[in-house]
Amino acid sequence: MKSSLAACLVGTCALLAGCAQHYVPKISLGESPQTIPLRVELHPLKDAPKAPGQPYGVVAEHVKTAEPGELSGPITAAVLKDFRENRVFQEIDTHVEHPDAILTGTINTFYETYRPKGWTQVPYAKSVAKLMDVDTYTAATKVDVDLVLRTPDGTRIGTYHGHAAATDEFIPNKQNQPGSHSNWALSEAIHQIRQALLDDADVVKYSTHAARLPERQNEPKP
């Protein structure tokens, strides 16, 4: 009997664990109005040390808790996908032969807390809220990222900062799923960084210099 009960509990725990969603960072932006004529090698972004008590990742029911540092890889992948598909640079990848520049970065803050309001735990409160079309959930989101562009020898060209934060109240639906607020904040932060890159006179100056390098002169013409 005891062994059967233990097996049942293990199976239930496995089933519940299997229901947990994995948050995948996503950036939703349009094509860059200009393409920076540089061949860039993107290195993995790093997480800054987390302040005591500060959340990390998406903190929500049915979402797998991310360990500190676990999201740096997926966030790097999201940045690469956005910069490549939206033509921010002439070329960008995690490995580029003879790159013009190296792009690194730090994720200073990245979290979303997604939870029901306290009063919704009162008996029948959710039913009444549904009838009255009242917001029952709240999400607090903050994303803060720095990207650094350097020459291949390590000389810093510029540091580009992106930040977004918001606290929202809502009724859960397809537009307000766990992670949607983080994705909005990440997209906004990266949009700010992209604009800062385009506005930086040092990037323009270095791009002109890089185009004259001997290895670039030997490139096939488009």
N, C-alpha and C. Protein backbone atom coordinates (compact mmCIF):
# COMPACT_ATOMS: atom_id res chain seq x y z
N MET A 1 0.83 -1.20 0.00
CA MET A 1 0.00 0.00 0.00
C MET A 1 0.87 1.26 0.00
N LYS A 2 1.90 1.25 0.89
CA LYS A 2 2.77 2.40 0.99
C LYS A 2 3.52 2.63 -0.32
N SER A 3 3.97 1.50 -0.94
CA SER A 3 4.71 1.65 -2.19
C SER A 3 3.82 2.19 -3.28
N SER A 4 2.55 1.78 -3.29
CA SER A 4 1.62 2.28 -4.30
C SER A 4 1.37 3.77 -4.12
N LEU A 5 1.23 4.19 -2.83
CA LEU A 5 1.01 5.60 -2.54
C LEU A 5 2.21 6.43 -2.95
N ALA A 6 3.40 5.91 -2.66
CA ALA A 6 4.63 6.63 -3.01
C ALA A 6 4.74 6.78 -4.52
N ALA A 7 4.42 5.71 -5.25
CA ALA A 7 4.48 5.76 -6.71
C ALA A 7 3.50 6.77 -7.26
N CYS A 8 2.32 6.83 -6.63
CA CYS A 8 1.30 7.78 -7.06
C CYS A 8 1.76 9.22 -6.86
N LEU A 9 2.38 9.48 -5.69
CA LEU A 9 2.87 10.82 -5.39
C LEU A 9 3.97 11.23 -6.36
N VAL A 10 4.88 10.29 -6.66
CA VAL A 10 5.96 10.58 -7.60
C VAL A 10 5.39 10.91 -8.98
N GLY A 11 4.41 10.12 -9.40
CA GLY A 11 3.79 10.34 -10.70
C GLY A 11 3.08 11.68 -10.76
N THR A 12 2.39 12.04 -9.65
CA THR A 12 1.70 13.32 -9.61
C THR A 12 2.68 14.48 -9.69
N CYS A 13 3.79 14.37 -8.94
CA CYS A 13 4.81 15.42 -8.96
C CYS A 13 5.40 15.58 -10.36
N ALA A 14 5.66 14.46 -11.02
CA ALA A 14 6.22 14.50 -12.37
C ALA A 14 5.24 15.15 -13.33
N LEU A 15 3.94 14.84 -13.13
CA LEU A 15 2.92 15.42 -14.00
C LEU A 15 2.84 16.92 -13.82
N LEU A 16 2.87 17.36 -12.54
CA LEU A 16 2.80 18.79 -12.26
C LEU A 16 4.03 19.51 -12.79
N ALA A 17 5.20 18.90 -12.64
CA ALA A 17 6.43 19.51 -13.13
C ALA A 17 6.40 19.64 -14.65
N GLY A 18 5.79 18.63 -15.29
CA GLY A 18 5.72 18.65 -16.74
C GLY A 18 4.82 19.75 -17.27
N CYS A 19 3.90 20.27 -16.41
CA CYS A 19 2.99 21.32 -16.83
C CYS A 19 3.64 22.70 -16.80
N ALA A 20 4.78 22.81 -16.14
CA ALA A 20 5.44 24.11 -16.03
C ALA A 20 5.97 24.56 -17.39
N GLN A 21 5.69 25.80 -17.74
CA GLN A 21 6.15 26.35 -19.01
C GLN A 21 7.57 26.87 -18.85
N HIS A 22 8.31 26.86 -19.94
CA HIS A 22 9.63 27.46 -19.98
C HIS A 22 9.50 28.80 -20.68
N TYR A 23 9.91 29.85 -20.02
CA TYR A 23 9.86 31.18 -20.64
C TYR A 23 10.98 31.31 -21.67
N VAL A 24 10.62 31.78 -22.86
CA VAL A 24 11.59 32.00 -23.94
C VAL A 24 11.55 33.48 -24.31
N PRO A 25 12.64 34.22 -24.09
CA PRO A 25 12.67 35.65 -24.43
C PRO A 25 12.44 35.87 -25.93
N LYS A 26 11.70 36.93 -26.24
CA LYS A 26 11.39 37.24 -27.63
C LYS A 26 11.41 38.75 -27.82
N ILE A 27 12.04 39.20 -28.90
CA ILE A 27 12.09 40.61 -29.24
C ILE A 27 11.25 40.84 -30.49
N SER A 28 10.33 41.79 -30.40
CA SER A 28 9.44 42.07 -31.54
C SER A 28 9.64 43.52 -31.98
N LEU A 29 10.49 43.69 -32.98
CA LEU A 29 10.78 45.02 -33.54
C LEU A 29 10.81 44.95 -35.06
N GLY A 30 10.71 46.10 -35.67
CA GLY A 30 10.74 46.15 -37.13
C GLY A 30 12.17 46.29 -37.65
N GLU A 31 12.26 46.36 -38.98
CA GLU A 31 13.57 46.47 -39.62
C GLU A 31 14.23 47.80 -39.28
N SER A 32 15.53 47.76 -39.09
CA SER A 32 16.28 48.97 -38.78
C SER A 32 16.20 49.96 -39.94
N PRO A 33 16.00 51.25 -39.64
CA PRO A 33 15.94 52.24 -40.73
C PRO A 33 17.27 52.41 -41.45
N GLN A 34 18.37 52.00 -40.80
CA GLN A 34 19.69 52.03 -41.42
C GLN A 34 20.44 50.76 -41.02
N THR A 35 21.34 50.33 -41.88
CA THR A 35 22.19 49.19 -41.56
C THR A 35 23.61 49.71 -41.34
N ILE A 36 24.16 49.40 -40.17
CA ILE A 36 25.52 49.82 -39.85
C ILE A 36 26.48 48.91 -40.62
N PRO A 37 27.36 49.46 -41.46
CA PRO A 37 28.21 48.63 -42.32
C PRO A 37 29.40 48.03 -41.58
N LEU A 38 29.09 47.18 -40.61
CA LEU A 38 30.12 46.48 -39.83
C LEU A 38 29.81 45.00 -39.77
N ARG A 39 30.87 44.19 -39.78
CA ARG A 39 30.76 42.75 -39.57
C ARG A 39 31.06 42.49 -38.10
N VAL A 40 30.04 42.06 -37.36
CA VAL A 40 30.12 42.04 -35.90
C VAL A 40 30.03 40.62 -35.36
N GLU A 41 30.89 40.32 -34.39
CA GLU A 41 30.84 39.05 -33.68
C GLU A 41 30.19 39.28 -32.32
N LEU A 42 29.08 38.60 -32.08
CA LEU A 42 28.34 38.75 -30.82
C LEU A 42 28.81 37.71 -29.82
N HIS A 43 29.25 38.17 -28.66
CA HIS A 43 29.64 37.28 -27.58
C HIS A 43 28.48 37.15 -26.58
N PRO A 44 28.42 36.05 -25.84
CA PRO A 44 27.29 35.85 -24.91
C PRO A 44 27.16 36.99 -23.90
N LEU A 45 25.93 37.45 -23.72
CA LEU A 45 25.67 38.45 -22.70
C LEU A 45 25.83 37.81 -21.32
N LYS A 46 26.20 38.61 -20.35
CA LYS A 46 26.40 38.11 -18.99
C LYS A 46 25.41 38.76 -18.05
N ASP A 47 25.04 38.02 -17.00
CA ASP A 47 24.16 38.56 -15.98
C ASP A 47 24.98 39.28 -14.91
N ALA A 48 24.54 40.49 -14.55
CA ALA A 48 25.15 41.18 -13.43
C ALA A 48 24.71 40.49 -12.13
N PRO A 49 25.48 40.58 -11.06
CA PRO A 49 25.07 39.99 -9.78
C PRO A 49 23.70 40.53 -9.37
N LYS A 50 22.83 39.62 -8.93
CA LYS A 50 21.46 39.99 -8.56
C LYS A 50 21.43 40.59 -7.16
N ALA A 51 20.70 41.70 -7.02
CA ALA A 51 20.55 42.33 -5.71
C ALA A 51 19.75 41.40 -4.79
N PRO A 52 20.04 41.39 -3.49
CA PRO A 52 19.30 40.54 -2.55
C PRO A 52 17.80 40.79 -2.62
N GLY A 53 17.04 39.73 -2.77
CA GLY A 53 15.59 39.85 -2.82
C GLY A 53 15.01 40.23 -4.17
N GLN A 54 15.87 40.52 -5.13
CA GLN A 54 15.36 40.91 -6.46
C GLN A 54 14.97 39.67 -7.25
N PRO A 55 13.78 39.65 -7.84
CA PRO A 55 13.37 38.49 -8.65
C PRO A 55 14.21 38.36 -9.91
N TYR A 56 14.11 37.20 -10.54
CA TYR A 56 14.86 36.95 -11.78
C TYR A 56 13.98 36.14 -12.71
N GLY A 57 13.92 36.56 -13.97
CA GLY A 57 13.11 35.84 -14.93
C GLY A 57 11.63 36.11 -14.72
N VAL A 58 10.80 35.20 -15.20
CA VAL A 58 9.36 35.32 -15.06
C VAL A 58 8.92 34.54 -13.82
N VAL A 59 8.38 35.26 -12.87
CA VAL A 59 7.93 34.64 -11.62
C VAL A 59 6.41 34.55 -11.70
N ALA A 60 5.92 33.35 -12.00
CA ALA A 60 4.48 33.17 -12.19
C ALA A 60 4.13 31.71 -11.97
N GLU A 61 2.88 31.50 -11.62
CA GLU A 61 2.38 30.13 -11.47
C GLU A 61 2.47 29.40 -12.81
N HIS A 62 2.89 28.16 -12.77
CA HIS A 62 3.01 27.30 -13.96
C HIS A 62 4.14 27.72 -14.90
N VAL A 63 5.04 28.57 -14.44
CA VAL A 63 6.23 28.92 -15.21
C VAL A 63 7.45 28.44 -14.43
N LYS A 64 8.32 27.69 -15.10
CA LYS A 64 9.50 27.15 -14.44
C LYS A 64 10.39 28.28 -13.95
N THR A 65 10.78 28.21 -12.69
CA THR A 65 11.65 29.23 -12.11
C THR A 65 13.03 29.16 -12.74
N ALA A 66 13.52 30.29 -13.20
CA ALA A 66 14.84 30.35 -13.84
C ALA A 66 15.89 30.62 -12.76
N GLU A 67 16.97 29.87 -12.83
CA GLU A 67 18.09 30.11 -11.93
C GLU A 67 18.89 31.31 -12.42
N PRO A 68 19.53 32.05 -11.51
CA PRO A 68 20.34 33.19 -11.95
C PRO A 68 21.34 32.80 -13.03
N GLY A 69 21.35 33.54 -14.11
CA GLY A 69 22.24 33.25 -15.23
C GLY A 69 21.65 32.36 -16.29
N GLU A 70 20.53 31.72 -16.00
CA GLU A 70 19.94 30.76 -16.94
C GLU A 70 19.39 31.42 -18.20
N LEU A 71 18.98 32.68 -18.10
CA LEU A 71 18.37 33.35 -19.25
C LEU A 71 19.36 34.11 -20.13
N SER A 72 20.61 34.20 -19.72
CA SER A 72 21.57 34.97 -20.51
C SER A 72 21.74 34.40 -21.91
N GLY A 73 21.77 33.07 -22.03
CA GLY A 73 21.88 32.44 -23.34
C GLY A 73 20.68 32.72 -24.23
N PRO A 74 19.45 32.48 -23.74
CA PRO A 74 18.27 32.77 -24.56
C PRO A 74 18.12 34.26 -24.90
N ILE A 75 18.52 35.15 -24.00
CA ILE A 75 18.44 36.58 -24.31
C ILE A 75 19.46 36.93 -25.39
N THR A 76 20.66 36.36 -25.30
CA THR A 76 21.67 36.57 -26.34
C THR A 76 21.13 36.10 -27.69
N ALA A 77 20.49 34.94 -27.70
CA ALA A 77 19.93 34.40 -28.93
C ALA A 77 18.84 35.31 -29.50
N ALA A 78 18.02 35.91 -28.61
CA ALA A 78 16.97 36.82 -29.06
C ALA A 78 17.56 38.09 -29.68
N VAL A 79 18.63 38.60 -29.07
CA VAL A 79 19.30 39.78 -29.62
C VAL A 79 19.91 39.47 -30.99
N LEU A 80 20.57 38.31 -31.09
CA LEU A 80 21.16 37.90 -32.36
C LEU A 80 20.10 37.80 -33.45
N LYS A 81 19.00 37.17 -33.13
CA LYS A 81 17.91 36.98 -34.10
C LYS A 81 17.37 38.34 -34.56
N ASP A 82 17.16 39.25 -33.62
CA ASP A 82 16.62 40.56 -33.98
C ASP A 82 17.61 41.36 -34.82
N PHE A 83 18.87 41.43 -34.39
CA PHE A 83 19.87 42.21 -35.12
C PHE A 83 20.12 41.65 -36.52
N ARG A 84 20.07 40.32 -36.63
CA ARG A 84 20.32 39.69 -37.93
C ARG A 84 19.13 39.88 -38.87
N GLU A 85 17.93 39.55 -38.40
CA GLU A 85 16.75 39.61 -39.27
C GLU A 85 16.36 41.04 -39.62
N ASN A 86 16.66 41.99 -38.73
CA ASN A 86 16.27 43.37 -38.97
C ASN A 86 17.42 44.25 -39.45
N ARG A 87 18.52 43.61 -39.85
CA ARG A 87 19.62 44.27 -40.54
C ARG A 87 20.17 45.48 -39.78
N VAL A 88 20.43 45.26 -38.49
CA VAL A 88 21.04 46.32 -37.69
C VAL A 88 22.49 46.52 -38.12
N PHE A 89 23.20 45.38 -38.34
CA PHE A 89 24.57 45.41 -38.86
C PHE A 89 24.63 44.72 -40.21
N GLN A 90 25.67 45.00 -40.95
CA GLN A 90 25.87 44.33 -42.24
C GLN A 90 25.92 42.82 -42.06
N GLU A 91 26.59 42.39 -40.99
CA GLU A 91 26.67 40.97 -40.67
C GLU A 91 26.83 40.84 -39.16
N ILE A 92 26.17 39.87 -38.56
CA ILE A 92 26.35 39.59 -37.14
C ILE A 92 26.14 38.11 -36.90
N ASP A 93 27.05 37.53 -36.11
CA ASP A 93 26.93 36.12 -35.76
C ASP A 93 27.78 35.88 -34.51
N THR A 94 27.67 34.67 -33.97
CA THR A 94 28.46 34.35 -32.79
C THR A 94 29.91 34.04 -33.14
N HIS A 95 30.16 33.81 -34.42
CA HIS A 95 31.54 33.68 -34.89
C HIS A 95 31.63 34.27 -36.28
N VAL A 96 32.51 35.26 -36.42
CA VAL A 96 32.73 35.92 -37.71
C VAL A 96 34.24 35.94 -37.96
N GLU A 97 34.64 35.47 -39.12
CA GLU A 97 36.05 35.49 -39.46
C GLU A 97 36.49 36.93 -39.74
N HIS A 98 37.52 37.37 -39.06
CA HIS A 98 38.03 38.73 -39.18
C HIS A 98 36.91 39.76 -38.97
N PRO A 99 36.27 39.76 -37.79
CA PRO A 99 35.18 40.74 -37.56
C PRO A 99 35.72 42.16 -37.47
N ASP A 100 34.87 43.11 -37.82
CA ASP A 100 35.22 44.52 -37.66
C ASP A 100 35.09 44.95 -36.20
N ALA A 101 34.15 44.32 -35.50
CA ALA A 101 33.86 44.73 -34.12
C ALA A 101 33.32 43.55 -33.33
N ILE A 102 33.41 43.68 -32.01
CA ILE A 102 32.91 42.67 -31.07
C ILE A 102 31.81 43.31 -30.24
N LEU A 103 30.68 42.62 -30.12
CA LEU A 103 29.56 43.12 -29.32
C LEU A 103 29.39 42.24 -28.10
N THR A 104 29.49 42.85 -26.93
CA THR A 104 29.28 42.13 -25.67
C THR A 104 28.19 42.85 -24.90
N GLY A 105 27.81 42.31 -23.76
CA GLY A 105 26.76 43.00 -23.00
C GLY A 105 26.54 42.44 -21.62
N THR A 106 25.79 43.22 -20.83
CA THR A 106 25.45 42.84 -19.46
C THR A 106 23.95 43.00 -19.25
N ILE A 107 23.34 41.97 -18.71
CA ILE A 107 21.92 42.04 -18.32
C ILE A 107 21.90 42.48 -16.87
N ASN A 108 21.62 43.74 -16.64
CA ASN A 108 21.66 44.28 -15.28
C ASN A 108 20.45 43.84 -14.46
N THR A 109 19.28 43.87 -15.11
CA THR A 109 18.04 43.48 -14.44
C THR A 109 17.12 42.83 -15.46
N PHE A 110 16.46 41.75 -15.03
CA PHE A 110 15.51 41.11 -15.93
C PHE A 110 14.50 40.31 -15.10
N TYR A 111 13.30 40.88 -14.96
CA TYR A 111 12.28 40.11 -14.22
C TYR A 111 10.87 40.57 -14.58
N GLU A 112 9.95 39.66 -14.31
CA GLU A 112 8.51 39.93 -14.40
C GLU A 112 7.83 39.12 -13.30
N THR A 113 7.12 39.81 -12.42
CA THR A 113 6.31 39.10 -11.41
C THR A 113 4.86 39.17 -11.87
N TYR A 114 4.24 38.03 -11.98
CA TYR A 114 2.91 37.91 -12.58
C TYR A 114 2.06 37.14 -11.58
N ARG A 115 1.12 37.83 -10.94
CA ARG A 115 0.38 37.15 -9.87
C ARG A 115 -1.02 37.73 -9.71
N PRO A 116 -1.93 36.93 -9.13
CA PRO A 116 -3.28 37.44 -8.86
C PRO A 116 -3.25 38.45 -7.72
N LYS A 117 -4.18 39.38 -7.75
CA LYS A 117 -4.29 40.33 -6.65
C LYS A 117 -4.75 39.60 -5.38
N GLY A 118 -4.33 40.11 -4.25
CA GLY A 118 -4.62 39.43 -2.98
C GLY A 118 -6.10 39.21 -2.71
N TRP A 119 -6.93 40.18 -3.08
CA TRP A 119 -8.35 40.06 -2.75
C TRP A 119 -9.04 38.96 -3.56
N THR A 120 -8.41 38.50 -4.63
CA THR A 120 -9.04 37.45 -5.44
C THR A 120 -9.05 36.10 -4.72
N GLN A 121 -8.31 36.00 -3.61
CA GLN A 121 -8.29 34.75 -2.85
C GLN A 121 -9.49 34.63 -1.92
N VAL A 122 -10.26 35.73 -1.76
CA VAL A 122 -11.48 35.69 -0.95
C VAL A 122 -12.52 34.84 -1.67
N PRO A 123 -13.24 33.98 -0.94
CA PRO A 123 -14.26 33.14 -1.60
C PRO A 123 -15.22 33.95 -2.48
N TYR A 124 -15.45 33.45 -3.67
CA TYR A 124 -16.36 34.02 -4.67
C TYR A 124 -15.86 35.33 -5.30
N ALA A 125 -14.69 35.80 -4.87
CA ALA A 125 -14.19 37.08 -5.41
C ALA A 125 -13.95 37.00 -6.91
N LYS A 126 -13.38 35.89 -7.38
CA LYS A 126 -13.10 35.76 -8.80
C LYS A 126 -14.38 35.75 -9.63
N SER A 127 -15.41 35.12 -9.12
CA SER A 127 -16.68 35.07 -9.84
C SER A 127 -17.29 36.46 -9.95
N VAL A 128 -17.25 37.22 -8.85
CA VAL A 128 -17.78 38.58 -8.85
C VAL A 128 -16.96 39.46 -9.80
N ALA A 129 -15.62 39.29 -9.76
CA ALA A 129 -14.74 40.10 -10.62
C ALA A 129 -15.03 39.82 -12.10
N LYS A 130 -15.32 38.56 -12.41
CA LYS A 130 -15.62 38.20 -13.80
C LYS A 130 -16.91 38.87 -14.26
N LEU A 131 -17.88 38.90 -13.39
CA LEU A 131 -19.15 39.53 -13.75
C LEU A 131 -18.99 41.04 -13.95
N MET A 132 -18.11 41.65 -13.15
CA MET A 132 -17.93 43.10 -13.19
C MET A 132 -16.78 43.52 -14.12
N ASP A 133 -16.11 42.52 -14.75
CA ASP A 133 -15.01 42.81 -15.68
C ASP A 133 -13.91 43.63 -15.00
N VAL A 134 -13.50 43.17 -13.81
CA VAL A 134 -12.50 43.87 -13.02
C VAL A 134 -11.14 43.19 -13.20
N ASP A 135 -10.07 44.01 -13.24
CA ASP A 135 -8.71 43.47 -13.35
C ASP A 135 -8.39 42.62 -12.11
N THR A 136 -7.94 41.41 -12.36
CA THR A 136 -7.67 40.49 -11.25
C THR A 136 -6.20 40.16 -11.07
N TYR A 137 -5.35 40.52 -12.03
CA TYR A 137 -3.92 40.19 -11.96
C TYR A 137 -3.09 41.46 -12.05
N THR A 138 -1.86 41.35 -11.58
CA THR A 138 -0.90 42.44 -11.69
C THR A 138 0.45 41.89 -12.11
N ALA A 139 1.17 42.66 -12.89
CA ALA A 139 2.51 42.26 -13.34
C ALA A 139 3.45 43.45 -13.20
N ALA A 140 4.57 43.23 -12.54
CA ALA A 140 5.62 44.24 -12.43
C ALA A 140 6.81 43.75 -13.23
N THR A 141 7.30 44.59 -14.15
CA THR A 141 8.35 44.18 -15.07
C THR A 141 9.46 45.21 -15.10
N LYS A 142 10.70 44.70 -15.17
CA LYS A 142 11.84 45.61 -15.31
C LYS A 142 12.94 44.91 -16.09
N VAL A 143 13.44 45.58 -17.12
CA VAL A 143 14.56 45.07 -17.92
C VAL A 143 15.57 46.20 -18.08
N ASP A 144 16.83 45.89 -17.83
CA ASP A 144 17.90 46.88 -17.94
C ASP A 144 19.13 46.18 -18.55
N VAL A 145 19.55 46.65 -19.72
CA VAL A 145 20.61 45.97 -20.48
C VAL A 145 21.63 46.98 -20.98
N ASP A 146 22.90 46.61 -20.95
CA ASP A 146 23.96 47.39 -21.58
C ASP A 146 24.64 46.53 -22.64
N LEU A 147 24.82 47.08 -23.83
CA LEU A 147 25.63 46.44 -24.86
C LEU A 147 26.87 47.31 -25.11
N VAL A 148 28.00 46.65 -25.32
CA VAL A 148 29.26 47.36 -25.54
C VAL A 148 29.84 46.91 -26.87
N LEU A 149 30.16 47.88 -27.72
CA LEU A 149 30.77 47.60 -29.02
C LEU A 149 32.26 47.94 -28.92
N ARG A 150 33.10 46.98 -29.28
CA ARG A 150 34.55 47.15 -29.20
C ARG A 150 35.21 46.79 -30.52
N THR A 151 36.40 47.31 -30.73
CA THR A 151 37.21 46.88 -31.85
C THR A 151 37.76 45.50 -31.53
N PRO A 152 38.27 44.75 -32.52
CA PRO A 152 38.81 43.42 -32.24
C PRO A 152 39.93 43.41 -31.21
N ASP A 153 40.65 44.54 -31.05
CA ASP A 153 41.74 44.57 -30.06
C ASP A 153 41.25 44.99 -28.68
N GLY A 154 39.93 45.18 -28.53
CA GLY A 154 39.36 45.47 -27.21
C GLY A 154 39.08 46.93 -26.94
N THR A 155 39.41 47.83 -27.83
CA THR A 155 39.15 49.25 -27.62
C THR A 155 37.64 49.51 -27.68
N ARG A 156 37.13 50.18 -26.67
CA ARG A 156 35.68 50.43 -26.62
C ARG A 156 35.29 51.53 -27.61
N ILE A 157 34.30 51.21 -28.44
CA ILE A 157 33.73 52.20 -29.35
C ILE A 157 32.60 52.94 -28.64
N GLY A 158 31.76 52.20 -27.94
CA GLY A 158 30.66 52.83 -27.21
C GLY A 158 29.90 51.83 -26.36
N THR A 159 29.19 52.36 -25.37
CA THR A 159 28.31 51.57 -24.51
C THR A 159 26.89 52.07 -24.73
N TYR A 160 25.94 51.15 -24.89
CA TYR A 160 24.58 51.50 -25.28
C TYR A 160 23.61 50.89 -24.28
N HIS A 161 22.78 51.76 -23.70
CA HIS A 161 21.93 51.37 -22.58
C HIS A 161 20.46 51.30 -22.99
N GLY A 162 19.78 50.26 -22.51
CA GLY A 162 18.35 50.13 -22.74
C GLY A 162 17.64 49.78 -21.45
N HIS A 163 16.49 50.42 -21.21
CA HIS A 163 15.78 50.22 -19.94
C HIS A 163 14.28 50.33 -20.18
N ALA A 164 13.53 49.46 -19.52
CA ALA A 164 12.07 49.56 -19.56
C ALA A 164 11.51 48.96 -18.29
N ALA A 165 10.47 49.59 -17.76
CA ALA A 165 9.83 49.09 -16.54
C ALA A 165 8.36 49.50 -16.57
N ALA A 166 7.51 48.65 -16.00
CA ALA A 166 6.08 48.96 -15.96
C ALA A 166 5.40 48.08 -14.93
N THR A 167 4.29 48.58 -14.41
CA THR A 167 3.41 47.79 -13.55
C THR A 167 2.02 47.86 -14.17
N ASP A 168 1.47 46.70 -14.49
CA ASP A 168 0.19 46.64 -15.18
C ASP A 168 -0.82 45.84 -14.37
N GLU A 169 -2.08 46.23 -14.50
CA GLU A 169 -3.20 45.47 -13.95
C GLU A 169 -4.07 45.02 -15.11
N PHE A 170 -4.57 43.78 -15.05
CA PHE A 170 -5.24 43.25 -16.23
C PHE A 170 -6.04 42.00 -15.89
N ILE A 171 -6.81 41.57 -16.87
CA ILE A 171 -7.49 40.27 -16.83
C ILE A 171 -6.70 39.33 -17.72
N PRO A 172 -6.25 38.20 -17.22
CA PRO A 172 -5.42 37.30 -18.05
C PRO A 172 -6.13 36.92 -19.34
N ASN A 173 -5.42 37.03 -20.45
CA ASN A 173 -5.91 36.61 -21.76
C ASN A 173 -4.71 36.29 -22.63
N LYS A 174 -4.93 36.06 -23.92
CA LYS A 174 -3.83 35.67 -24.81
C LYS A 174 -2.78 36.77 -24.94
N GLN A 175 -3.20 38.03 -24.78
CA GLN A 175 -2.25 39.14 -24.88
C GLN A 175 -1.50 39.39 -23.57
N ASN A 176 -2.01 38.82 -22.48
CA ASN A 176 -1.42 39.05 -21.16
C ASN A 176 -1.01 37.74 -20.49
N GLN A 177 -0.31 36.91 -21.23
CA GLN A 177 0.21 35.66 -20.69
C GLN A 177 1.51 35.94 -19.92
N PRO A 178 1.89 35.05 -19.00
CA PRO A 178 3.19 35.20 -18.34
C PRO A 178 4.31 35.27 -19.38
N GLY A 179 5.18 36.25 -19.24
CA GLY A 179 6.28 36.44 -20.18
C GLY A 179 6.02 37.53 -21.20
N SER A 180 4.76 37.87 -21.45
CA SER A 180 4.45 38.90 -22.45
C SER A 180 4.97 40.27 -22.01
N HIS A 181 4.92 40.53 -20.72
CA HIS A 181 5.38 41.82 -20.20
C HIS A 181 6.91 41.91 -20.27
N SER A 182 7.59 40.80 -19.98
CA SER A 182 9.06 40.76 -20.11
C SER A 182 9.47 40.98 -21.56
N ASN A 183 8.75 40.35 -22.47
CA ASN A 183 9.09 40.50 -23.89
C ASN A 183 8.88 41.94 -24.36
N TRP A 184 7.83 42.58 -23.86
CA TRP A 184 7.62 44.00 -24.19
C TRP A 184 8.80 44.83 -23.69
N ALA A 185 9.19 44.61 -22.43
CA ALA A 185 10.27 45.40 -21.83
C ALA A 185 11.60 45.14 -22.53
N LEU A 186 11.87 43.88 -22.87
CA LEU A 186 13.11 43.55 -23.58
C LEU A 186 13.12 44.21 -24.96
N SER A 187 12.01 44.17 -25.64
CA SER A 187 11.90 44.80 -26.97
C SER A 187 12.14 46.30 -26.86
N GLU A 188 11.57 46.92 -25.85
CA GLU A 188 11.74 48.37 -25.68
C GLU A 188 13.20 48.70 -25.37
N ALA A 189 13.84 47.92 -24.51
CA ALA A 189 15.24 48.16 -24.16
C ALA A 189 16.14 48.01 -25.39
N ILE A 190 15.91 46.99 -26.19
CA ILE A 190 16.73 46.77 -27.38
C ILE A 190 16.46 47.83 -28.44
N HIS A 191 15.22 48.30 -28.52
CA HIS A 191 14.92 49.40 -29.44
C HIS A 191 15.75 50.63 -29.08
N GLN A 192 15.84 50.94 -27.80
CA GLN A 192 16.64 52.09 -27.35
C GLN A 192 18.12 51.89 -27.72
N ILE A 193 18.61 50.67 -27.54
CA ILE A 193 20.01 50.37 -27.86
C ILE A 193 20.26 50.49 -29.36
N ARG A 194 19.35 49.97 -30.16
CA ARG A 194 19.50 50.07 -31.61
C ARG A 194 19.56 51.53 -32.04
N GLN A 195 18.69 52.36 -31.47
CA GLN A 195 18.67 53.77 -31.83
C GLN A 195 19.95 54.47 -31.40
N ALA A 196 20.45 54.11 -30.22
CA ALA A 196 21.70 54.71 -29.73
C ALA A 196 22.88 54.34 -30.62
N LEU A 197 22.90 53.11 -31.12
CA LEU A 197 23.94 52.69 -32.05
C LEU A 197 23.90 53.52 -33.33
N LEU A 198 22.71 53.73 -33.85
CA LEU A 198 22.56 54.50 -35.10
C LEU A 198 22.93 55.97 -34.90
N ASP A 199 22.70 56.47 -33.69
CA ASP A 199 22.95 57.89 -33.43
C ASP A 199 24.39 58.19 -33.02
N ASP A 200 25.19 57.16 -32.80
CA ASP A 200 26.55 57.35 -32.27
C ASP A 200 27.51 57.74 -33.40
N ALA A 201 28.06 58.95 -33.30
CA ALA A 201 29.01 59.42 -34.32
C ALA A 201 30.27 58.57 -34.33
N ASP A 202 30.62 57.99 -33.18
CA ASP A 202 31.82 57.15 -33.13
C ASP A 202 31.63 55.86 -33.93
N VAL A 203 30.41 55.35 -33.97
CA VAL A 203 30.13 54.16 -34.77
C VAL A 203 30.26 54.49 -36.25
N VAL A 204 29.73 55.64 -36.65
CA VAL A 204 29.84 56.08 -38.05
C VAL A 204 31.30 56.24 -38.44
N LYS A 205 32.07 56.89 -37.56
CA LYS A 205 33.49 57.12 -37.82
C LYS A 205 34.25 55.80 -37.94
N TYR A 206 33.97 54.87 -37.00
CA TYR A 206 34.68 53.59 -37.03
C TYR A 206 34.27 52.76 -38.24
N SER A 207 33.00 52.83 -38.63
CA SER A 207 32.53 52.07 -39.80
C SER A 207 33.27 52.52 -41.06
N THR A 208 33.50 53.82 -41.17
CA THR A 208 34.24 54.35 -42.31
C THR A 208 35.68 53.84 -42.30
N HIS A 209 36.27 53.82 -41.10
CA HIS A 209 37.64 53.31 -40.96
C HIS A 209 37.71 51.82 -41.30
N ALA A 210 36.75 51.04 -40.79
CA ALA A 210 36.76 49.59 -41.01
C ALA A 210 36.62 49.25 -42.48
N ALA A 211 35.87 50.05 -43.22
CA ALA A 211 35.66 49.78 -44.65
C ALA A 211 36.95 49.89 -45.44
N ARG A 212 37.94 50.59 -44.88
CA ARG A 212 39.21 50.80 -45.59
C ARG A 212 40.26 49.77 -45.22
N LEU A 213 39.94 48.88 -44.27
CA LEU A 213 40.92 47.88 -43.86
C LEU A 213 41.21 46.93 -45.03
N PRO A 214 42.45 46.44 -45.13
CA PRO A 214 42.84 45.56 -46.26
C PRO A 214 41.94 44.33 -46.42
N GLU A 215 41.57 43.71 -45.28
CA GLU A 215 40.74 42.49 -45.38
C GLU A 215 39.36 42.80 -45.93
N ARG A 216 38.87 44.04 -45.71
CA ARG A 216 37.57 44.42 -46.25
C ARG A 216 37.67 44.74 -47.75
N GLN A 217 38.81 45.22 -48.18
CA GLN A 217 38.99 45.56 -49.58
C GLN A 217 38.95 44.33 -50.47
N ASN A 218 39.29 43.17 -49.88
CA ASN A 218 39.31 41.93 -50.65
C ASN A 218 37.97 41.22 -50.70
N GLU A 219 36.96 41.78 -50.01
CA GLU A 219 35.65 41.16 -50.01
C GLU A 219 35.00 41.25 -51.39
N PRO A 220 34.25 40.22 -51.78
CA PRO A 220 33.53 40.31 -53.06
C PRO A 220 32.47 41.40 -53.01
N LYS A 221 32.33 42.13 -54.07
CA LYS A 221 31.33 43.19 -54.14
C LYS A 221 29.94 42.58 -54.27
N PRO A 222 28.95 43.17 -53.56
CA PRO A 222 27.57 42.64 -53.64
C PRO A 222 27.00 42.82 -55.04
